[in-house]
Amino acid sequence: MNTVAGPMRTHVMLTPRLISELGGLRSNLRAVVHRSGLAVIVSAGGEADACNESTWRQLIQEAASVTSAPGTVVVDLTGLDFVSCCAFQALTEESERCRRRGIDMRLVSQRGMVTRIVKACGFADMLPVYPTVDSALDTEPAVA
């Protein structure tokens, strides 16, 4: 597994604006971004909804911007209590931008509802869902 034998994970610095938004008193979204080899991992908690859509979008965009091809952006939704439609839309839009740059985006969730939403919306090819961060990291990138 990558957590034991794989690359060490290092913290990725976010912009001061994003740090301020995530740490705000009214913020119901939390996140930590790490690098593991060529992958960037976003671990989110709280809620990703219409109230923090711009913060969510900025978080995903910043994580993707520090990822280089043939890297992978792994978005761990495990700590989120709620994920709105606009949050899924932001993920699909960033996933498309990533693909054009030769970067793969993957989601992590053990909730069946996340997988069902991704499949029902036709996003399964763009946003594959894995049960753990390690399984998402252990899979070869789909992007050539």
N, C-alpha and C. Protein backbone atom coordinates (compact mmCIF):
# COMPACT_ATOMS: atom_id res chain seq x y z
N MET A 1 0.84 -1.19 0.00
CA MET A 1 0.00 0.00 0.00
C MET A 1 0.88 1.24 0.00
N ASN A 2 0.38 2.29 -0.58
CA ASN A 2 1.15 3.52 -0.69
C ASN A 2 1.45 4.17 0.64
N THR A 3 0.59 3.98 1.63
CA THR A 3 0.84 4.63 2.91
C THR A 3 2.01 4.02 3.64
N VAL A 4 2.35 2.78 3.32
CA VAL A 4 3.45 2.12 4.00
C VAL A 4 4.69 2.12 3.12
N ALA A 5 4.58 1.57 1.90
CA ALA A 5 5.75 1.41 1.05
C ALA A 5 5.84 2.46 -0.05
N GLY A 6 4.80 3.20 -0.29
CA GLY A 6 4.77 4.16 -1.39
C GLY A 6 5.41 5.47 -1.01
N PRO A 7 5.25 6.45 -1.89
CA PRO A 7 5.85 7.76 -1.64
C PRO A 7 5.30 8.41 -0.37
N MET A 8 6.16 9.19 0.26
CA MET A 8 5.76 9.93 1.44
C MET A 8 4.80 11.05 1.03
N ARG A 9 3.84 11.34 1.87
CA ARG A 9 2.88 12.41 1.59
C ARG A 9 3.37 13.71 2.19
N THR A 10 3.37 14.76 1.38
CA THR A 10 3.79 16.07 1.84
C THR A 10 2.64 17.05 1.66
N HIS A 11 2.55 18.01 2.55
CA HIS A 11 1.49 19.01 2.54
C HIS A 11 1.64 19.95 1.35
N VAL A 12 0.51 20.29 0.71
CA VAL A 12 0.49 21.25 -0.38
C VAL A 12 -0.08 22.55 0.16
N MET A 13 0.64 23.64 -0.03
CA MET A 13 0.16 24.95 0.43
C MET A 13 -0.91 25.49 -0.51
N LEU A 14 -1.98 25.94 0.08
CA LEU A 14 -3.07 26.56 -0.67
C LEU A 14 -2.88 28.07 -0.63
N THR A 15 -3.58 28.78 -1.49
CA THR A 15 -3.46 30.24 -1.50
C THR A 15 -4.02 30.81 -0.20
N PRO A 16 -3.51 31.97 0.21
CA PRO A 16 -4.02 32.60 1.44
C PRO A 16 -5.53 32.84 1.40
N ARG A 17 -6.04 33.20 0.24
CA ARG A 17 -7.49 33.43 0.12
C ARG A 17 -8.28 32.16 0.44
N LEU A 18 -7.84 31.04 -0.13
CA LEU A 18 -8.55 29.78 0.10
C LEU A 18 -8.41 29.35 1.55
N ILE A 19 -7.24 29.49 2.12
CA ILE A 19 -7.04 29.14 3.53
C ILE A 19 -7.98 29.96 4.41
N SER A 20 -8.10 31.25 4.09
CA SER A 20 -9.00 32.13 4.85
C SER A 20 -10.45 31.68 4.73
N GLU A 21 -10.87 31.33 3.52
CA GLU A 21 -12.26 30.89 3.31
C GLU A 21 -12.54 29.58 4.03
N LEU A 22 -11.62 28.65 3.95
CA LEU A 22 -11.81 27.36 4.62
C LEU A 22 -11.80 27.50 6.15
N GLY A 23 -11.05 28.47 6.66
CA GLY A 23 -10.95 28.66 8.09
C GLY A 23 -11.92 29.67 8.66
N GLY A 24 -12.78 30.21 7.81
CA GLY A 24 -13.73 31.22 8.27
C GLY A 24 -14.73 30.68 9.27
N LEU A 25 -15.23 31.56 10.13
CA LEU A 25 -16.19 31.16 11.17
C LEU A 25 -17.44 30.52 10.59
N ARG A 26 -17.86 30.97 9.43
CA ARG A 26 -19.09 30.43 8.81
C ARG A 26 -18.83 29.25 7.88
N SER A 27 -17.59 28.88 7.71
CA SER A 27 -17.26 27.81 6.77
C SER A 27 -17.72 26.45 7.28
N ASN A 28 -18.42 25.73 6.44
CA ASN A 28 -18.82 24.37 6.78
C ASN A 28 -18.06 23.36 5.90
N LEU A 29 -16.96 23.82 5.32
CA LEU A 29 -16.10 22.98 4.49
C LEU A 29 -14.68 23.03 5.05
N ARG A 30 -14.09 21.85 5.19
CA ARG A 30 -12.71 21.73 5.63
C ARG A 30 -11.94 20.94 4.58
N ALA A 31 -10.65 21.17 4.48
CA ALA A 31 -9.87 20.40 3.52
C ALA A 31 -8.39 20.46 3.84
N VAL A 32 -7.73 19.38 3.47
CA VAL A 32 -6.27 19.28 3.54
C VAL A 32 -5.84 18.73 2.19
N VAL A 33 -4.75 19.27 1.66
CA VAL A 33 -4.24 18.81 0.37
C VAL A 33 -2.81 18.32 0.57
N HIS A 34 -2.56 17.09 0.09
CA HIS A 34 -1.24 16.47 0.20
C HIS A 34 -0.77 16.01 -1.18
N ARG A 35 0.53 15.86 -1.29
CA ARG A 35 1.13 15.26 -2.49
C ARG A 35 1.69 13.90 -2.10
N SER A 36 1.49 12.93 -2.98
CA SER A 36 2.06 11.59 -2.81
C SER A 36 2.60 11.17 -4.18
N GLY A 37 3.90 11.32 -4.37
CA GLY A 37 4.48 11.05 -5.68
C GLY A 37 3.91 12.04 -6.69
N LEU A 38 3.37 11.53 -7.80
CA LEU A 38 2.78 12.38 -8.83
C LEU A 38 1.33 12.74 -8.54
N ALA A 39 0.77 12.19 -7.47
CA ALA A 39 -0.64 12.42 -7.15
C ALA A 39 -0.79 13.56 -6.14
N VAL A 40 -1.91 14.26 -6.26
CA VAL A 40 -2.32 15.26 -5.28
C VAL A 40 -3.63 14.77 -4.69
N ILE A 41 -3.71 14.75 -3.36
CA ILE A 41 -4.87 14.20 -2.66
C ILE A 41 -5.57 15.33 -1.90
N VAL A 42 -6.86 15.50 -2.19
CA VAL A 42 -7.70 16.46 -1.48
C VAL A 42 -8.56 15.66 -0.51
N SER A 43 -8.41 15.89 0.78
CA SER A 43 -9.25 15.23 1.78
C SER A 43 -10.20 16.29 2.32
N ALA A 44 -11.48 16.14 1.98
CA ALA A 44 -12.48 17.14 2.34
C ALA A 44 -13.37 16.65 3.46
N GLY A 45 -13.85 17.59 4.26
CA GLY A 45 -14.77 17.28 5.35
C GLY A 45 -15.82 18.36 5.47
N GLY A 46 -16.89 18.03 6.16
CA GLY A 46 -17.98 18.99 6.33
C GLY A 46 -19.02 18.84 5.25
N GLU A 47 -19.28 19.94 4.55
CA GLU A 47 -20.28 19.95 3.48
C GLU A 47 -19.75 20.70 2.27
N ALA A 48 -20.05 20.18 1.09
CA ALA A 48 -19.76 20.87 -0.17
C ALA A 48 -21.12 21.18 -0.78
N ASP A 49 -21.54 22.43 -0.66
CA ASP A 49 -22.90 22.78 -1.09
C ASP A 49 -22.92 24.15 -1.77
N ALA A 50 -24.11 24.64 -2.06
CA ALA A 50 -24.26 25.92 -2.75
C ALA A 50 -23.69 27.08 -1.94
N CYS A 51 -23.69 26.97 -0.62
CA CYS A 51 -23.17 28.04 0.24
C CYS A 51 -21.67 28.24 0.10
N ASN A 52 -20.95 27.18 -0.25
CA ASN A 52 -19.50 27.28 -0.38
C ASN A 52 -19.01 26.82 -1.75
N GLU A 53 -19.88 26.93 -2.74
CA GLU A 53 -19.53 26.46 -4.09
C GLU A 53 -18.25 27.11 -4.61
N SER A 54 -18.11 28.41 -4.45
CA SER A 54 -16.90 29.07 -4.98
C SER A 54 -15.65 28.59 -4.25
N THR A 55 -15.74 28.36 -2.96
CA THR A 55 -14.60 27.84 -2.20
C THR A 55 -14.26 26.42 -2.66
N TRP A 56 -15.29 25.59 -2.84
CA TRP A 56 -15.10 24.22 -3.32
C TRP A 56 -14.42 24.22 -4.69
N ARG A 57 -14.93 25.06 -5.59
CA ARG A 57 -14.34 25.14 -6.93
C ARG A 57 -12.87 25.57 -6.85
N GLN A 58 -12.58 26.56 -6.03
CA GLN A 58 -11.21 27.03 -5.90
C GLN A 58 -10.32 25.94 -5.33
N LEU A 59 -10.81 25.20 -4.35
CA LEU A 59 -10.06 24.09 -3.76
C LEU A 59 -9.68 23.06 -4.81
N ILE A 60 -10.66 22.64 -5.59
CA ILE A 60 -10.42 21.61 -6.62
C ILE A 60 -9.48 22.16 -7.69
N GLN A 61 -9.68 23.41 -8.09
CA GLN A 61 -8.82 24.02 -9.11
C GLN A 61 -7.39 24.16 -8.63
N GLU A 62 -7.19 24.58 -7.37
CA GLU A 62 -5.83 24.72 -6.84
C GLU A 62 -5.13 23.36 -6.76
N ALA A 63 -5.85 22.35 -6.33
CA ALA A 63 -5.25 21.01 -6.27
C ALA A 63 -4.85 20.54 -7.66
N ALA A 64 -5.71 20.76 -8.62
CA ALA A 64 -5.41 20.34 -10.00
C ALA A 64 -4.25 21.15 -10.57
N SER A 65 -4.16 22.42 -10.21
CA SER A 65 -3.12 23.27 -10.78
C SER A 65 -1.71 22.89 -10.34
N VAL A 66 -1.57 22.23 -9.21
CA VAL A 66 -0.24 21.81 -8.75
C VAL A 66 0.07 20.37 -9.15
N THR A 67 -0.80 19.78 -9.95
CA THR A 67 -0.62 18.41 -10.44
C THR A 67 -0.09 18.46 -11.86
N SER A 68 0.92 17.66 -12.14
CA SER A 68 1.51 17.60 -13.47
C SER A 68 1.23 16.25 -14.10
N ALA A 69 1.10 16.23 -15.42
CA ALA A 69 0.91 14.98 -16.15
C ALA A 69 2.16 14.12 -15.98
N PRO A 70 2.01 12.85 -15.82
CA PRO A 70 0.80 12.03 -15.86
C PRO A 70 0.21 11.80 -14.47
N GLY A 71 0.16 12.81 -13.67
CA GLY A 71 -0.32 12.69 -12.30
C GLY A 71 -1.81 12.46 -12.17
N THR A 72 -2.21 12.36 -10.92
CA THR A 72 -3.61 12.08 -10.58
C THR A 72 -4.06 13.02 -9.47
N VAL A 73 -5.29 13.50 -9.60
CA VAL A 73 -5.92 14.25 -8.52
C VAL A 73 -6.92 13.31 -7.87
N VAL A 74 -6.73 13.04 -6.59
CA VAL A 74 -7.64 12.17 -5.84
C VAL A 74 -8.43 13.05 -4.88
N VAL A 75 -9.75 13.03 -5.02
CA VAL A 75 -10.61 13.83 -4.15
C VAL A 75 -11.33 12.88 -3.21
N ASP A 76 -10.91 12.91 -1.95
CA ASP A 76 -11.46 12.02 -0.93
C ASP A 76 -12.69 12.68 -0.31
N LEU A 77 -13.86 12.15 -0.64
CA LEU A 77 -15.14 12.67 -0.16
C LEU A 77 -15.58 12.02 1.15
N THR A 78 -14.78 11.12 1.69
CA THR A 78 -15.15 10.34 2.87
C THR A 78 -15.59 11.21 4.04
N GLY A 79 -14.94 12.33 4.26
CA GLY A 79 -15.25 13.18 5.39
C GLY A 79 -16.40 14.15 5.16
N LEU A 80 -16.96 14.14 3.96
CA LEU A 80 -18.08 15.04 3.68
C LEU A 80 -19.40 14.42 4.13
N ASP A 81 -20.18 15.22 4.84
CA ASP A 81 -21.52 14.78 5.26
C ASP A 81 -22.54 15.02 4.17
N PHE A 82 -22.24 15.97 3.27
CA PHE A 82 -23.17 16.31 2.20
C PHE A 82 -22.39 16.80 0.99
N VAL A 83 -22.78 16.33 -0.20
CA VAL A 83 -22.19 16.78 -1.45
C VAL A 83 -23.33 17.16 -2.38
N SER A 84 -23.41 18.44 -2.74
CA SER A 84 -24.51 18.92 -3.57
C SER A 84 -24.24 18.67 -5.05
N CYS A 85 -25.27 18.89 -5.84
CA CYS A 85 -25.15 18.75 -7.29
C CYS A 85 -24.11 19.72 -7.85
N CYS A 86 -24.07 20.93 -7.30
CA CYS A 86 -23.10 21.91 -7.81
C CYS A 86 -21.67 21.46 -7.50
N ALA A 87 -21.46 20.74 -6.41
CA ALA A 87 -20.13 20.23 -6.10
C ALA A 87 -19.72 19.15 -7.09
N PHE A 88 -20.66 18.27 -7.45
CA PHE A 88 -20.38 17.26 -8.47
C PHE A 88 -20.11 17.92 -9.82
N GLN A 89 -20.86 18.96 -10.14
CA GLN A 89 -20.65 19.68 -11.40
C GLN A 89 -19.25 20.28 -11.44
N ALA A 90 -18.81 20.87 -10.33
CA ALA A 90 -17.45 21.43 -10.27
C ALA A 90 -16.41 20.34 -10.48
N LEU A 91 -16.63 19.17 -9.91
CA LEU A 91 -15.70 18.05 -10.09
C LEU A 91 -15.63 17.61 -11.55
N THR A 92 -16.77 17.51 -12.21
CA THR A 92 -16.76 17.08 -13.61
C THR A 92 -16.08 18.12 -14.50
N GLU A 93 -16.33 19.39 -14.24
CA GLU A 93 -15.69 20.44 -15.03
C GLU A 93 -14.17 20.41 -14.86
N GLU A 94 -13.72 20.28 -13.62
CA GLU A 94 -12.27 20.24 -13.38
C GLU A 94 -11.67 18.95 -13.92
N SER A 95 -12.42 17.85 -13.84
CA SER A 95 -11.94 16.59 -14.39
C SER A 95 -11.69 16.71 -15.89
N GLU A 96 -12.58 17.40 -16.58
CA GLU A 96 -12.41 17.60 -18.02
C GLU A 96 -11.16 18.44 -18.31
N ARG A 97 -10.96 19.49 -17.54
CA ARG A 97 -9.75 20.31 -17.72
C ARG A 97 -8.50 19.47 -17.43
N CYS A 98 -8.57 18.63 -16.41
CA CYS A 98 -7.44 17.76 -16.07
C CYS A 98 -7.13 16.81 -17.23
N ARG A 99 -8.15 16.19 -17.76
CA ARG A 99 -7.96 15.24 -18.87
C ARG A 99 -7.25 15.89 -20.04
N ARG A 100 -7.62 17.13 -20.34
CA ARG A 100 -6.97 17.84 -21.46
C ARG A 100 -5.48 18.07 -21.18
N ARG A 101 -5.09 18.08 -19.90
CA ARG A 101 -3.70 18.27 -19.51
C ARG A 101 -2.98 16.94 -19.25
N GLY A 102 -3.68 15.82 -19.43
CA GLY A 102 -3.07 14.51 -19.22
C GLY A 102 -3.07 14.08 -17.76
N ILE A 103 -4.03 14.60 -16.99
CA ILE A 103 -4.14 14.30 -15.56
C ILE A 103 -5.45 13.55 -15.32
N ASP A 104 -5.40 12.55 -14.48
CA ASP A 104 -6.55 11.73 -14.13
C ASP A 104 -7.15 12.24 -12.83
N MET A 105 -8.48 12.33 -12.73
CA MET A 105 -9.14 12.69 -11.47
C MET A 105 -9.94 11.49 -11.00
N ARG A 106 -9.84 11.22 -9.69
CA ARG A 106 -10.55 10.09 -9.09
C ARG A 106 -11.20 10.54 -7.79
N LEU A 107 -12.33 9.93 -7.48
CA LEU A 107 -13.02 10.20 -6.22
C LEU A 107 -12.84 9.02 -5.27
N VAL A 108 -12.92 9.31 -3.99
CA VAL A 108 -12.88 8.26 -2.97
C VAL A 108 -14.11 8.42 -2.10
N SER A 109 -14.87 7.33 -2.00
CA SER A 109 -16.04 7.30 -1.14
C SER A 109 -16.48 5.86 -0.96
N GLN A 110 -16.94 5.54 0.23
CA GLN A 110 -17.50 4.22 0.47
C GLN A 110 -19.02 4.27 0.50
N ARG A 111 -19.56 5.46 0.29
CA ARG A 111 -21.02 5.61 0.27
C ARG A 111 -21.57 5.24 -1.10
N GLY A 112 -22.49 4.30 -1.11
CA GLY A 112 -23.10 3.87 -2.36
C GLY A 112 -23.79 5.00 -3.11
N MET A 113 -24.30 5.97 -2.36
CA MET A 113 -25.01 7.07 -3.00
C MET A 113 -24.09 7.87 -3.92
N VAL A 114 -22.84 8.05 -3.54
CA VAL A 114 -21.90 8.79 -4.39
C VAL A 114 -21.71 8.06 -5.71
N THR A 115 -21.49 6.76 -5.64
CA THR A 115 -21.32 5.97 -6.85
C THR A 115 -22.58 6.02 -7.71
N ARG A 116 -23.74 5.91 -7.09
CA ARG A 116 -25.00 5.96 -7.84
C ARG A 116 -25.19 7.31 -8.53
N ILE A 117 -24.88 8.39 -7.85
CA ILE A 117 -25.02 9.72 -8.44
C ILE A 117 -24.07 9.86 -9.62
N VAL A 118 -22.83 9.46 -9.44
CA VAL A 118 -21.84 9.56 -10.51
C VAL A 118 -22.30 8.76 -11.73
N LYS A 119 -22.78 7.54 -11.52
CA LYS A 119 -23.25 6.72 -12.63
C LYS A 119 -24.52 7.29 -13.26
N ALA A 120 -25.48 7.70 -12.44
CA ALA A 120 -26.75 8.22 -12.96
C ALA A 120 -26.56 9.48 -13.80
N CYS A 121 -25.58 10.28 -13.44
CA CYS A 121 -25.32 11.52 -14.18
C CYS A 121 -24.42 11.29 -15.39
N GLY A 122 -23.96 10.07 -15.58
CA GLY A 122 -23.10 9.75 -16.71
C GLY A 122 -21.67 10.22 -16.53
N PHE A 123 -21.22 10.35 -15.28
CA PHE A 123 -19.88 10.85 -15.00
C PHE A 123 -18.88 9.74 -14.67
N ALA A 124 -19.29 8.47 -14.74
CA ALA A 124 -18.45 7.37 -14.28
C ALA A 124 -17.10 7.31 -15.01
N ASP A 125 -17.07 7.63 -16.30
CA ASP A 125 -15.81 7.61 -17.03
C ASP A 125 -14.91 8.77 -16.61
N MET A 126 -15.51 9.89 -16.26
CA MET A 126 -14.74 11.08 -15.87
C MET A 126 -14.34 11.05 -14.41
N LEU A 127 -15.19 10.46 -13.56
CA LEU A 127 -14.98 10.49 -12.12
C LEU A 127 -15.12 9.08 -11.53
N PRO A 128 -14.14 8.21 -11.77
CA PRO A 128 -14.25 6.88 -11.17
C PRO A 128 -14.18 6.99 -9.65
N VAL A 129 -14.95 6.12 -8.98
CA VAL A 129 -15.03 6.14 -7.52
C VAL A 129 -14.32 4.91 -6.97
N TYR A 130 -13.45 5.14 -5.99
CA TYR A 130 -12.68 4.09 -5.33
C TYR A 130 -13.05 4.06 -3.86
N PRO A 131 -12.92 2.90 -3.20
CA PRO A 131 -13.30 2.81 -1.78
C PRO A 131 -12.30 3.44 -0.82
N THR A 132 -11.03 3.55 -1.22
CA THR A 132 -10.00 4.12 -0.35
C THR A 132 -9.03 4.96 -1.18
N VAL A 133 -8.32 5.84 -0.51
CA VAL A 133 -7.28 6.63 -1.17
C VAL A 133 -6.21 5.69 -1.72
N ASP A 134 -5.83 4.70 -0.94
CA ASP A 134 -4.79 3.77 -1.40
C ASP A 134 -5.20 3.06 -2.67
N SER A 135 -6.45 2.61 -2.77
CA SER A 135 -6.88 1.92 -4.00
C SER A 135 -6.91 2.89 -5.18
N ALA A 136 -7.25 4.14 -4.95
CA ALA A 136 -7.22 5.14 -6.03
C ALA A 136 -5.78 5.40 -6.48
N LEU A 137 -4.85 5.40 -5.55
CA LEU A 137 -3.44 5.63 -5.88
C LEU A 137 -2.80 4.41 -6.53
N ASP A 138 -3.26 3.21 -6.17
CA ASP A 138 -2.63 1.98 -6.67
C ASP A 138 -3.05 1.61 -8.07
N THR A 139 -4.02 2.30 -8.63
CA THR A 139 -4.52 2.01 -9.97
C THR A 139 -3.76 2.85 -10.98
N GLU A 140 -3.37 2.23 -12.10
CA GLU A 140 -2.65 2.96 -13.13
C GLU A 140 -3.54 4.06 -13.70
N PRO A 141 -2.96 5.21 -14.04
CA PRO A 141 -3.75 6.30 -14.62
C PRO A 141 -4.43 5.88 -15.91
N ALA A 142 -5.67 6.37 -16.10
CA ALA A 142 -6.41 6.08 -17.31
C ALA A 142 -6.03 7.01 -18.44
N VAL A 143 -5.45 8.15 -18.11
CA VAL A 143 -5.10 9.16 -19.09
C VAL A 143 -3.75 8.81 -19.70
N ALA A 144 -3.68 8.87 -21.02
CA ALA A 144 -2.41 8.55 -21.71
C ALA A 144 -1.58 9.79 -21.91
